[in-house]
Amino acid sequence: MSEYKTEIKFFTVPQWREEEEYLRDQHKNGWEFVSLSGLGLYRFKRCQPRDVVYQLDYNPDSVNKKGEYIQLFGDCGWEYLQNYAGYSYFRKPADKMSGEEEIFCDDESRLDMMKRVFRGRMLPLVVLFFTIIIPQLMNLSFNSSAFGRGLLIFFEVMFVVYLIIFIAFAVPYYRYYNNAKRK
């Protein structure tokens, strides 16, 4: 039996909690997270099954002050694993935690992370949407050639894909924001 396995799994921007649970479940099943690369290629190493909590932080600026950043979390018992696409991966054995401990000590800091995700990931998509997709849809709607119609269909599909991405991010953010403000 192999000591390593690779799985392909894709999580969207607002699905960090699902990704954390996925990594935790893998560890409980005897597969320790080693790395993430490519488009969703998760590499695991066989280990003793154990409850280990995984946490993600989105902070692209952490690369500039990596030593300080890792030390900050290390002082709280979190093991730094890697950076991938702006996210930093940490883990900590559940038996070393006090209650519902997270790398974020409050809802406000979690909301700050979500704002960093918006600025780093969603803002470029919003810019592309309004500077390329929308103008092309408007321009191509008046084109009667077969090629123009083909491009129109392509940009209509892109319009729908972008809307789905925006909604997939906005709904969890809005829910989390409202829950945080109610507390």
Protein backbone atom coordinates (compact mmCIF):
# COMPACT_ATOMS: atom_id res chain seq x y z
CA MET A 1 0.00 0.00 0.00
CA SER A 2 1.32 3.43 -0.94
CA GLU A 3 2.57 5.87 1.68
CA TYR A 4 1.32 8.83 -0.38
CA LYS A 5 -1.83 9.67 -2.24
CA THR A 6 -2.94 12.53 -4.44
CA GLU A 7 -6.50 13.71 -4.78
CA ILE A 8 -7.98 16.28 -7.09
CA LYS A 9 -10.41 18.53 -5.29
CA PHE A 10 -11.56 22.04 -6.11
CA PHE A 11 -12.83 24.62 -3.63
CA THR A 12 -14.09 28.03 -4.64
CA VAL A 13 -12.98 31.21 -2.91
CA PRO A 14 -15.72 31.30 -0.26
CA GLN A 15 -15.43 27.58 0.52
CA TRP A 16 -12.47 27.84 2.92
CA ARG A 17 -14.46 26.16 5.73
CA GLU A 18 -15.27 23.18 3.50
CA GLU A 19 -11.60 22.91 2.57
CA GLU A 20 -10.58 23.02 6.24
CA GLU A 21 -13.07 20.24 7.04
CA TYR A 22 -11.88 18.18 4.07
CA LEU A 23 -8.28 18.34 5.32
CA ARG A 24 -9.39 17.51 8.89
CA ASP A 25 -11.41 14.50 7.69
CA GLN A 26 -8.45 13.24 5.68
CA HIS A 27 -6.25 13.40 8.80
CA LYS A 28 -8.89 11.60 10.87
CA ASN A 29 -8.79 8.87 8.21
CA GLY A 30 -5.01 8.52 8.42
CA TRP A 31 -3.90 10.91 5.67
CA GLU A 32 -1.81 13.92 6.68
CA PHE A 33 -1.90 16.91 4.35
CA VAL A 34 1.50 17.46 2.72
CA SER A 35 0.91 20.00 -0.03
CA LEU A 36 -1.44 21.57 -2.52
CA SER A 37 -0.33 22.32 -6.05
CA GLY A 38 -1.65 22.75 -9.55
CA LEU A 39 -5.37 22.98 -9.94
CA GLY A 40 -6.56 21.26 -6.80
CA LEU A 41 -3.89 18.54 -6.49
CA TYR A 42 -3.84 17.64 -2.79
CA ARG A 43 -0.96 15.42 -1.66
CA PHE A 44 -1.27 13.35 1.51
CA LYS A 45 1.05 11.09 3.48
CA ARG A 46 -0.14 8.07 5.43
CA CYS A 47 -0.19 8.70 9.20
CA GLN A 48 -1.86 7.55 12.39
CA PRO A 49 -5.49 8.69 12.36
CA ARG A 50 -5.78 11.74 14.59
CA ASP A 51 -8.08 14.72 14.97
CA VAL A 52 -6.12 17.68 13.62
CA VAL A 53 -7.69 21.05 12.95
CA TYR A 54 -6.70 22.84 9.74
CA GLN A 55 -7.13 26.59 9.30
CA LEU A 56 -6.64 28.85 6.29
CA ASP A 57 -5.78 32.53 6.21
CA TYR A 58 -5.87 34.65 3.09
CA ASN A 59 -3.10 37.20 3.38
CA PRO A 60 -1.00 37.73 0.25
CA ASP A 61 1.04 40.35 2.14
CA SER A 62 2.30 37.63 4.50
CA VAL A 63 4.95 36.71 1.90
CA ASN A 64 6.69 40.03 2.56
CA LYS A 65 6.92 39.36 6.31
CA LYS A 66 6.84 35.58 6.23
CA GLY A 67 9.05 35.01 9.29
CA GLU A 68 7.01 37.30 11.53
CA TYR A 69 3.76 35.93 10.14
CA ILE A 70 4.68 32.29 10.76
CA GLN A 71 6.05 33.12 14.23
CA LEU A 72 2.81 34.87 15.19
CA PHE A 73 0.79 31.72 14.53
CA GLY A 74 3.55 29.44 15.82
CA ASP A 75 3.45 31.20 19.19
CA CYS A 76 -0.18 30.08 19.43
CA GLY A 77 0.70 26.48 18.56
CA TRP A 78 -0.26 26.52 14.89
CA GLU A 79 2.06 24.67 12.50
CA TYR A 80 2.62 26.51 9.23
CA LEU A 81 2.32 24.22 6.19
CA GLN A 82 2.47 26.29 3.01
CA ASN A 83 1.21 29.25 1.00
CA TYR A 84 -0.90 28.58 -2.05
CA ALA A 85 -2.65 31.19 -4.20
CA GLY A 86 -2.62 33.74 -1.39
CA TYR A 87 -3.85 31.33 1.29
CA SER A 88 -1.65 30.20 4.17
CA TYR A 89 -2.31 26.72 5.56
CA PHE A 90 -1.96 25.93 9.27
CA ARG A 91 -2.76 22.94 11.46
CA LYS A 92 -2.95 22.10 15.14
CA PRO A 93 -3.90 18.87 16.95
CA ALA A 94 -7.44 19.15 18.34
CA ASP A 95 -6.28 17.94 21.77
CA LYS A 96 -3.92 20.96 22.00
CA MET A 97 -6.76 23.41 21.45
CA SER A 98 -8.88 25.18 24.01
CA GLY A 99 -12.51 24.99 22.91
CA GLU A 100 -13.50 26.38 19.52
CA GLU A 101 -10.10 27.99 18.98
CA GLU A 102 -9.38 29.43 15.54
CA ILE A 103 -6.52 31.38 14.07
CA PHE A 104 -8.98 34.26 14.02
CA CYS A 105 -9.85 35.35 17.52
CA ASP A 106 -13.08 37.13 16.57
CA ASP A 107 -15.63 37.67 13.82
CA GLU A 108 -14.12 41.05 12.94
CA SER A 109 -10.76 39.51 12.01
CA ARG A 110 -12.54 36.81 9.95
CA LEU A 111 -14.43 39.57 8.13
CA ASP A 112 -11.10 41.31 7.52
CA MET A 113 -9.84 38.12 5.88
CA MET A 114 -12.93 37.99 3.69
CA LYS A 115 -12.32 41.61 2.66
CA ARG A 116 -8.72 40.70 1.73
CA VAL A 117 -10.09 37.83 -0.37
CA PHE A 118 -12.49 40.23 -2.07
CA ARG A 119 -9.72 42.72 -2.85
CA GLY A 120 -7.25 40.03 -3.96
CA ARG A 121 -9.52 37.66 -5.85
CA MET A 122 -12.87 39.21 -6.59
CA LEU A 123 -11.91 42.79 -7.42
CA PRO A 124 -9.84 41.74 -10.47
CA LEU A 125 -12.83 39.70 -11.68
CA VAL A 126 -15.16 42.66 -11.19
CA VAL A 127 -12.78 44.84 -13.21
CA LEU A 128 -12.66 42.27 -16.03
CA PHE A 129 -16.43 41.92 -15.92
CA PHE A 130 -17.07 45.65 -16.37
CA THR A 131 -14.18 46.43 -18.72
CA ILE A 132 -14.32 43.41 -21.03
CA ILE A 133 -17.40 41.19 -20.66
CA ILE A 134 -20.11 43.88 -20.55
CA PRO A 135 -18.62 46.06 -23.36
CA GLN A 136 -18.13 43.00 -25.58
CA LEU A 137 -21.72 41.88 -25.01
CA MET A 138 -22.98 45.30 -25.98
CA ASN A 139 -20.68 45.55 -29.01
CA LEU A 140 -21.36 42.02 -30.31
CA SER A 141 -25.13 42.26 -29.92
CA PHE A 142 -25.10 44.45 -33.06
CA ASN A 143 -22.85 42.10 -35.07
CA SER A 144 -24.75 39.90 -37.52
CA SER A 145 -21.87 37.76 -38.82
CA ALA A 146 -21.57 34.08 -37.88
CA PHE A 147 -18.26 34.77 -36.16
CA GLY A 148 -19.81 37.66 -34.24
CA ARG A 149 -22.69 35.46 -33.10
CA GLY A 150 -20.21 32.82 -31.93
CA LEU A 151 -18.32 35.42 -29.92
CA LEU A 152 -21.59 36.74 -28.53
CA ILE A 153 -22.48 33.26 -27.27
CA PHE A 154 -19.01 32.95 -25.70
CA PHE A 155 -19.37 36.28 -23.88
CA GLU A 156 -22.92 35.41 -22.78
CA VAL A 157 -21.57 32.22 -21.22
CA MET A 158 -18.76 34.23 -19.57
CA PHE A 159 -21.36 36.69 -18.27
CA VAL A 160 -23.29 33.86 -16.61
CA VAL A 161 -20.09 32.27 -15.20
CA TYR A 162 -19.01 35.59 -13.70
CA LEU A 163 -22.44 36.15 -12.17
CA ILE A 164 -22.31 32.70 -10.58
CA ILE A 165 -18.85 33.43 -9.17
CA PHE A 166 -20.00 36.78 -7.76
CA ILE A 167 -23.09 35.23 -6.18
CA ALA A 168 -21.08 32.30 -4.80
CA PHE A 169 -18.83 34.78 -3.00
CA ALA A 170 -21.43 37.40 -2.06
CA VAL A 171 -23.95 35.09 -0.40
CA PRO A 172 -21.56 33.48 2.15
CA TYR A 173 -19.93 36.86 2.82
CA TYR A 174 -23.32 38.50 3.39
CA ARG A 175 -24.43 35.68 5.72
CA TYR A 176 -21.21 35.77 7.70
CA TYR A 177 -21.30 39.57 7.88
CA ASN A 178 -24.89 39.54 9.19
CA ASN A 179 -24.15 36.81 11.74
CA ALA A 180 -21.08 38.71 12.97
CA LYS A 181 -23.03 41.96 13.34
CA ARG A 182 -25.84 40.21 15.31
CA LYS A 183 -23.45 38.90 17.95
